[in-house]
Amino acid sequence: MKFHAIIPIFIPHKGCPHSCVFCNQHIITASEKPITAGEVPGVIEKYLSTLSGRNLKTVEAAFYGGSFTGIPLDEQSEYLEAAYHYKRKGGLGRIRLSTRPDFINDKILSNLKFFGVDTIELGAQSFDDIVLKKSKRGHGSAAIRESSRMIRGYGFELGLQLMLGLPGDTAEKDEYSAHELVKAGASVARLYPTVVFEGTELHRMHVAGGYFPPSLEEYVGVTKKMYETISSAGVNIIRVGLKSYLHPAFRQLVESELALESLKCQLNAASGPGVTLLSNEKSFSNMIGHRKSNKAYFRKEYPHIKFSYGTDNSLADNQYIVI
């Protein structure tokens, strides 16, 4: 059962004067016109009416798609007041927004605190300065670290978003960024393999032969390592992949690979003609593998073992055991 719901409020490209090589927010959000502050109550009311009676623990309003704190401060306040009104009434439990690392200062953070914001997500993309420069981010890694420090200092929950496969990137740099995300004190994370959208500079680079994204297999491999680093540190990975642009089940591909690795390590030490593989109900599909790929692997690689599969809800998410 789902206990947390998000009311998305899309403001594509609003507040951002930069044009990063990968960015086309209108395609990503499927929206051409940003929602105005005056339209926010209508959006919230519409969602609250559909969520009524669902026994949700938390309903969160989230400003997505732009660099929220790049908007003029008085306009930020108009948006936030519209959402904060429902938080004061009790209809909303939390308010979240996303922005750039170089659009954070004390005045902005004080204002966000005043209007009841809970979580600030930064589009960090990478902690490698060469990658940031080639991607035309307009800031370096120092800005990410400093804004992260300030956000946590004000008591906000910190979220960091990383992109894999940007110009100048390598698997080693992506893994470094994952470690730096943990060091920065993020509580939540998003991992986005780079997607080449038409109408972006990255697309023009690709057509001209100056940029080639990693393959799906390469993306799964490096994302798997980043996922393991971040999740093992207790950071909640709330999204892996951007909608269905790369693969409709990209997150499951990654989590299935991690399940396979965990089970293989235990099987190597297992004895006897039969074993049972266990996970909780939520992680069962990952244990089986995308399109039952893990089951097929076990049948092929361990023909002498009879496999059974079961659930044990005392196990944590993405925890697998062999008995």
Protein backbone atom coordinates (compact mmCIF):
# COMPACT_ATOMS: atom_id res chain seq x y z
CA MET A 1 0.00 0.00 0.00
CA LYS A 2 1.26 3.46 -0.88
CA PHE A 3 1.46 5.80 2.11
CA HIS A 4 3.14 8.80 0.50
CA ALA A 5 1.78 10.90 -2.35
CA ILE A 6 3.35 13.77 -4.25
CA ILE A 7 1.48 16.65 -5.87
CA PRO A 8 3.79 17.73 -8.74
CA ILE A 9 3.81 21.41 -9.66
CA PHE A 10 5.80 21.82 -12.87
CA ILE A 11 7.55 25.10 -13.65
CA PRO A 12 9.74 24.09 -16.64
CA HIS A 13 12.93 26.13 -17.02
CA LYS A 14 11.51 28.90 -14.83
CA GLY A 15 14.20 30.71 -12.87
CA CYS A 16 17.16 29.29 -14.82
CA PRO A 17 19.24 31.58 -17.07
CA HIS A 18 21.52 28.73 -18.13
CA SER A 19 21.26 26.34 -21.06
CA CYS A 20 23.06 23.17 -20.03
CA VAL A 21 24.00 20.99 -22.98
CA PHE A 22 21.55 18.25 -21.96
CA CYS A 23 18.53 20.34 -21.00
CA ASN A 24 15.11 20.60 -22.59
CA GLN A 25 12.71 20.92 -19.68
CA HIS A 26 9.65 21.29 -21.91
CA ILE A 27 10.15 17.77 -23.27
CA ILE A 28 10.98 16.28 -19.87
CA THR A 29 7.90 17.71 -18.13
CA ALA A 30 5.63 17.49 -21.20
CA SER A 31 4.54 21.05 -20.45
CA GLU A 32 5.14 24.24 -22.41
CA LYS A 33 3.68 26.80 -20.03
CA PRO A 34 4.80 27.04 -16.38
CA ILE A 35 2.10 26.88 -13.75
CA THR A 36 1.59 30.31 -12.24
CA ALA A 37 1.42 30.96 -8.51
CA GLY A 38 -2.26 31.73 -8.90
CA GLU A 39 -2.87 28.29 -10.40
CA VAL A 40 -1.17 26.40 -7.57
CA PRO A 41 -4.25 26.21 -5.28
CA GLY A 42 -6.28 24.69 -8.12
CA VAL A 43 -3.62 22.06 -8.74
CA ILE A 44 -3.42 21.17 -5.06
CA GLU A 45 -7.21 21.08 -4.63
CA LYS A 46 -7.56 18.77 -7.63
CA TYR A 47 -5.02 16.29 -6.28
CA LEU A 48 -6.32 16.43 -2.71
CA SER A 49 -9.82 15.58 -3.91
CA THR A 50 -8.55 12.45 -5.67
CA LEU A 51 -6.35 11.44 -2.72
CA SER A 52 -9.10 11.73 -0.15
CA GLY A 53 -9.81 8.52 1.76
CA ARG A 54 -6.63 6.71 0.71
CA ASN A 55 -5.17 6.49 4.23
CA LEU A 56 -2.00 8.35 3.25
CA LYS A 57 0.54 9.22 5.91
CA THR A 58 2.01 12.14 3.96
CA VAL A 59 0.98 14.31 1.02
CA GLU A 60 3.77 16.44 -0.37
CA ALA A 61 3.69 19.37 -2.80
CA ALA A 62 6.77 19.37 -5.03
CA PHE A 63 7.94 22.18 -7.31
CA TYR A 64 9.68 20.45 -10.20
CA GLY A 65 11.18 21.29 -13.56
CA GLY A 66 12.93 24.57 -12.93
CA SER A 67 15.49 26.27 -10.74
CA PHE A 68 13.04 27.40 -8.11
CA THR A 69 15.36 29.64 -6.13
CA GLY A 70 16.43 31.42 -9.32
CA ILE A 71 12.98 32.96 -9.49
CA PRO A 72 12.76 36.49 -7.99
CA LEU A 73 12.28 36.22 -4.24
CA ASP A 74 8.83 37.83 -4.20
CA GLU A 75 7.64 35.37 -6.84
CA GLN A 76 9.11 32.46 -4.88
CA SER A 77 7.08 33.66 -1.92
CA GLU A 78 3.88 33.72 -3.99
CA TYR A 79 4.36 30.10 -5.04
CA LEU A 80 5.31 28.99 -1.55
CA GLU A 81 2.50 30.84 0.19
CA ALA A 82 0.00 29.08 -2.05
CA ALA A 83 1.38 25.69 -0.95
CA TYR A 84 2.07 26.67 2.66
CA HIS A 85 -1.58 27.62 3.06
CA TYR A 86 -2.51 23.95 2.64
CA LYS A 87 0.29 22.81 4.92
CA ARG A 88 -1.04 25.05 7.68
CA LYS A 89 -4.54 23.69 7.11
CA GLY A 90 -3.26 20.13 7.32
CA GLY A 91 -3.97 19.05 3.74
CA LEU A 92 -0.26 18.92 2.95
CA GLY A 93 2.38 17.39 5.16
CA ARG A 94 5.50 18.50 3.29
CA ILE A 95 6.83 20.89 0.65
CA ARG A 96 9.72 20.02 -1.67
CA LEU A 97 11.50 21.93 -4.42
CA SER A 98 14.42 21.50 -6.80
CA THR A 99 17.01 24.08 -7.77
CA ARG A 100 20.63 24.71 -8.76
CA PRO A 101 23.59 24.67 -6.37
CA ASP A 102 24.58 28.23 -7.31
CA PHE A 103 21.14 29.65 -6.47
CA ILE A 104 21.43 29.17 -2.72
CA ASN A 105 22.20 31.85 -0.12
CA ASP A 106 21.15 32.82 3.40
CA LYS A 107 18.35 35.14 2.28
CA ILE A 108 16.84 32.46 0.06
CA LEU A 109 17.13 29.74 2.70
CA SER A 110 15.57 31.96 5.38
CA ASN A 111 12.62 32.60 3.09
CA LEU A 112 12.18 28.92 2.31
CA LYS A 113 12.26 28.15 6.02
CA PHE A 114 9.59 30.80 6.67
CA PHE A 115 7.25 29.17 4.16
CA GLY A 116 7.59 25.67 5.56
CA VAL A 117 9.77 24.01 2.92
CA ASP A 118 11.04 20.62 4.08
CA THR A 119 13.27 19.27 1.30
CA ILE A 120 15.61 21.00 -1.13
CA GLU A 121 16.97 18.96 -4.00
CA LEU A 122 20.00 20.20 -5.89
CA GLY A 123 20.71 19.29 -9.48
CA ALA A 124 24.34 18.54 -8.79
CA GLN A 125 24.75 16.26 -11.87
CA SER A 126 28.45 15.60 -11.15
CA PHE A 127 31.17 16.38 -8.63
CA ASP A 128 33.80 16.43 -11.38
CA ASP A 129 34.73 19.96 -12.48
CA ILE A 130 35.67 18.94 -16.02
CA VAL A 131 32.29 17.27 -16.54
CA LEU A 132 30.49 20.31 -15.13
CA LYS A 133 32.40 22.63 -17.45
CA LYS A 134 31.83 20.50 -20.55
CA SER A 135 28.14 20.32 -19.67
CA LYS A 136 27.98 24.14 -19.34
CA ARG A 137 26.54 23.99 -15.86
CA GLY A 138 27.81 27.42 -14.93
CA HIS A 139 29.25 26.33 -11.58
CA GLY A 140 31.88 24.01 -10.17
CA SER A 141 31.83 21.27 -7.56
CA ALA A 142 32.67 23.75 -4.79
CA ALA A 143 29.22 25.32 -5.23
CA ILE A 144 27.58 21.93 -4.72
CA ARG A 145 29.47 21.27 -1.50
CA GLU A 146 28.88 24.75 -0.07
CA SER A 147 25.16 24.89 -0.89
CA SER A 148 24.73 21.37 0.51
CA ARG A 149 26.42 22.47 3.73
CA MET A 150 24.17 25.53 4.01
CA ILE A 151 20.97 23.60 3.29
CA ARG A 152 21.73 21.08 6.00
CA GLY A 153 22.76 23.88 8.34
CA TYR A 154 19.29 25.41 8.04
CA GLY A 155 17.71 22.08 8.91
CA PHE A 156 16.34 21.14 5.50
CA GLU A 157 16.42 17.62 4.16
CA LEU A 158 19.02 17.58 1.38
CA GLY A 159 18.48 15.80 -1.90
CA LEU A 160 21.13 15.51 -4.61
CA GLN A 161 20.59 14.55 -8.23
CA LEU A 162 23.39 13.02 -10.30
CA MET A 163 23.59 12.45 -14.05
CA LEU A 164 25.67 9.67 -15.60
CA GLY A 165 27.35 9.76 -18.97
CA LEU A 166 27.67 13.51 -19.47
CA PRO A 167 30.39 14.90 -21.79
CA GLY A 168 33.80 14.15 -20.31
CA ASP A 169 32.36 11.61 -17.90
CA THR A 170 33.72 8.16 -17.07
CA ALA A 171 32.56 5.31 -14.87
CA GLU A 172 35.27 6.26 -12.37
CA LYS A 173 34.02 9.85 -12.22
CA ASP A 174 30.45 8.66 -11.68
CA GLU A 175 31.55 6.45 -8.81
CA TYR A 176 33.49 9.38 -7.35
CA SER A 177 30.34 11.53 -7.53
CA ALA A 178 28.39 8.84 -5.68
CA HIS A 179 30.93 8.89 -2.84
CA GLU A 180 30.87 12.71 -2.77
CA LEU A 181 27.07 12.69 -2.60
CA VAL A 182 27.29 10.63 0.56
CA LYS A 183 29.99 12.89 2.02
CA ALA A 184 27.82 15.95 1.31
CA GLY A 185 25.20 14.56 3.68
CA ALA A 186 22.33 13.92 1.26
CA SER A 187 19.32 12.11 2.68
CA VAL A 188 17.76 11.39 -0.71
CA ALA A 189 19.22 10.90 -4.18
CA ARG A 190 18.19 10.58 -7.80
CA LEU A 191 20.32 8.91 -10.46
CA TYR A 192 19.70 9.89 -14.06
CA PRO A 193 21.53 8.34 -17.01
CA THR A 194 21.93 11.08 -19.62
CA VAL A 195 19.34 11.02 -22.37
CA VAL A 196 19.95 12.87 -25.64
CA PHE A 197 16.91 15.02 -26.43
CA GLU A 198 16.37 16.73 -29.74
CA GLY A 199 16.69 20.48 -29.56
CA THR A 200 19.59 20.36 -27.10
CA GLU A 201 23.23 21.16 -27.65
CA LEU A 202 24.00 17.59 -26.64
CA HIS A 203 21.92 16.34 -29.56
CA ARG A 204 23.83 18.59 -31.95
CA MET A 205 27.09 17.28 -30.49
CA HIS A 206 25.87 13.72 -30.98
CA VAL A 207 24.84 14.30 -34.58
CA ALA A 208 28.23 15.91 -35.29
CA GLY A 209 30.04 12.92 -33.80
CA GLY A 210 31.36 14.78 -30.76
CA TYR A 211 29.37 12.90 -28.13
CA PHE A 212 28.17 9.32 -27.81
CA PRO A 213 26.20 8.20 -24.75
CA PRO A 214 27.05 4.96 -22.98
CA SER A 215 25.14 1.84 -23.99
CA LEU A 216 22.27 0.52 -21.89
CA GLU A 217 24.53 -2.23 -20.57
CA GLU A 218 27.21 0.31 -19.60
CA TYR A 219 24.63 2.52 -17.91
CA VAL A 220 23.31 -0.41 -15.87
CA GLY A 221 26.84 -1.37 -14.83
CA VAL A 222 27.89 2.04 -13.53
CA THR A 223 24.48 2.83 -12.02
CA LYS A 224 24.63 -0.45 -10.12
CA LYS A 225 27.92 0.55 -8.48
CA MET A 226 26.65 4.05 -7.64
CA TYR A 227 23.40 2.62 -6.26
CA GLU A 228 25.32 0.26 -3.99
CA THR A 229 27.58 3.04 -2.68
CA ILE A 230 24.71 5.42 -2.00
CA SER A 231 22.16 2.99 -0.59
CA SER A 232 24.69 1.25 1.67
CA ALA A 233 25.29 4.65 3.30
CA GLY A 234 21.59 4.86 4.21
CA VAL A 235 20.66 7.37 1.53
CA ASN A 236 17.18 6.88 0.07
CA ILE A 237 17.38 6.58 -3.73
CA ILE A 238 13.99 7.86 -4.80
CA ARG A 239 14.45 7.63 -8.57
CA VAL A 240 16.68 5.79 -11.00
CA GLY A 241 16.31 6.80 -14.63
CA LEU A 242 14.15 9.41 -16.34
CA LYS A 243 10.66 8.12 -17.07
CA SER A 244 10.92 5.56 -19.89
CA TYR A 245 13.29 7.39 -22.21
CA LEU A 246 16.21 4.97 -21.76
CA HIS A 247 14.39 1.78 -20.73
CA PRO A 248 10.89 1.40 -19.25
CA ALA A 249 12.25 -0.72 -16.40
CA PHE A 250 15.70 0.78 -15.95
CA ARG A 251 15.56 0.78 -12.17
CA GLN A 252 14.58 -2.87 -12.10
CA LEU A 253 17.46 -3.72 -14.41
CA VAL A 254 19.83 -2.16 -11.89
CA GLU A 255 18.21 -3.66 -8.80
CA SER A 256 17.96 -7.09 -10.44
CA GLU A 257 21.69 -7.01 -11.14
CA LEU A 258 22.35 -6.16 -7.50
CA ALA A 259 20.10 -9.00 -6.38
CA LEU A 260 21.92 -11.39 -8.69
CA GLU A 261 25.31 -10.39 -7.28
CA SER A 262 24.13 -10.83 -3.69
CA LEU A 263 22.65 -14.25 -4.36
CA LYS A 264 25.65 -15.47 -6.37
CA CYS A 265 27.97 -14.66 -3.47
CA GLN A 266 25.84 -16.77 -1.15
CA LEU A 267 25.37 -19.58 -3.66
CA ASN A 268 29.09 -20.00 -4.07
CA ALA A 269 29.21 -21.00 -0.44
CA ALA A 270 25.99 -23.00 -0.53
CA SER A 271 25.92 -26.79 -0.48
CA GLY A 272 23.28 -29.39 -1.04
CA PRO A 273 21.07 -30.29 -3.98
CA GLY A 274 18.38 -27.71 -3.24
CA VAL A 275 18.23 -24.12 -2.00
CA THR A 276 15.56 -21.51 -1.39
CA LEU A 277 16.09 -17.86 -2.31
CA LEU A 278 14.24 -15.36 -0.16
CA SER A 279 13.35 -11.67 -0.26
CA ASN A 280 10.48 -9.58 1.03
CA GLU A 281 7.41 -9.20 -1.19
CA LYS A 282 8.44 -5.77 -2.48
CA SER A 283 11.84 -7.02 -3.68
CA PHE A 284 10.63 -10.37 -5.03
CA SER A 285 10.49 -9.20 -8.67
CA ASN A 286 14.09 -7.98 -8.40
CA MET A 287 15.16 -11.35 -7.00
CA ILE A 288 13.51 -13.12 -9.93
CA GLY A 289 15.03 -10.55 -12.30
CA HIS A 290 13.62 -8.43 -15.10
CA ARG A 291 11.59 -10.80 -17.27
CA LYS A 292 12.80 -13.60 -14.97
CA SER A 293 16.39 -13.09 -16.12
CA ASN A 294 17.86 -14.12 -12.76
CA LYS A 295 15.89 -17.36 -12.68
CA ALA A 296 17.17 -18.17 -16.15
CA TYR A 297 20.73 -17.40 -15.05
CA PHE A 298 20.53 -19.71 -12.04
CA ARG A 299 19.11 -22.57 -14.12
CA LYS A 300 21.93 -22.24 -16.63
CA GLU A 301 24.85 -21.68 -14.28
CA TYR A 302 23.82 -24.05 -11.47
CA PRO A 303 22.15 -27.02 -13.21
CA HIS A 304 22.96 -29.29 -10.28
CA ILE A 305 20.93 -27.19 -7.82
CA LYS A 306 17.15 -27.17 -7.51
CA PHE A 307 15.96 -23.62 -6.80
CA SER A 308 12.88 -22.53 -4.90
CA TYR A 309 11.78 -18.94 -4.37
CA GLY A 310 9.91 -17.47 -1.45
CA THR A 311 9.19 -14.35 0.58
CA ASP A 312 10.07 -13.32 4.10
CA ASN A 313 8.77 -9.89 5.03
CA SER A 314 11.15 -9.65 7.96
CA LEU A 315 13.85 -8.95 5.36
CA ALA A 316 14.66 -5.37 4.39
CA ASP A 317 14.10 -4.05 0.88
CA ASN A 318 16.75 -5.36 -1.50
CA GLN A 319 17.96 -7.90 1.06
CA TYR A 320 18.32 -11.46 -0.24
CA ILE A 321 19.25 -14.68 1.52
CA VAL A 322 19.88 -18.28 0.49
CA ILE A 323 18.79 -21.09 2.78
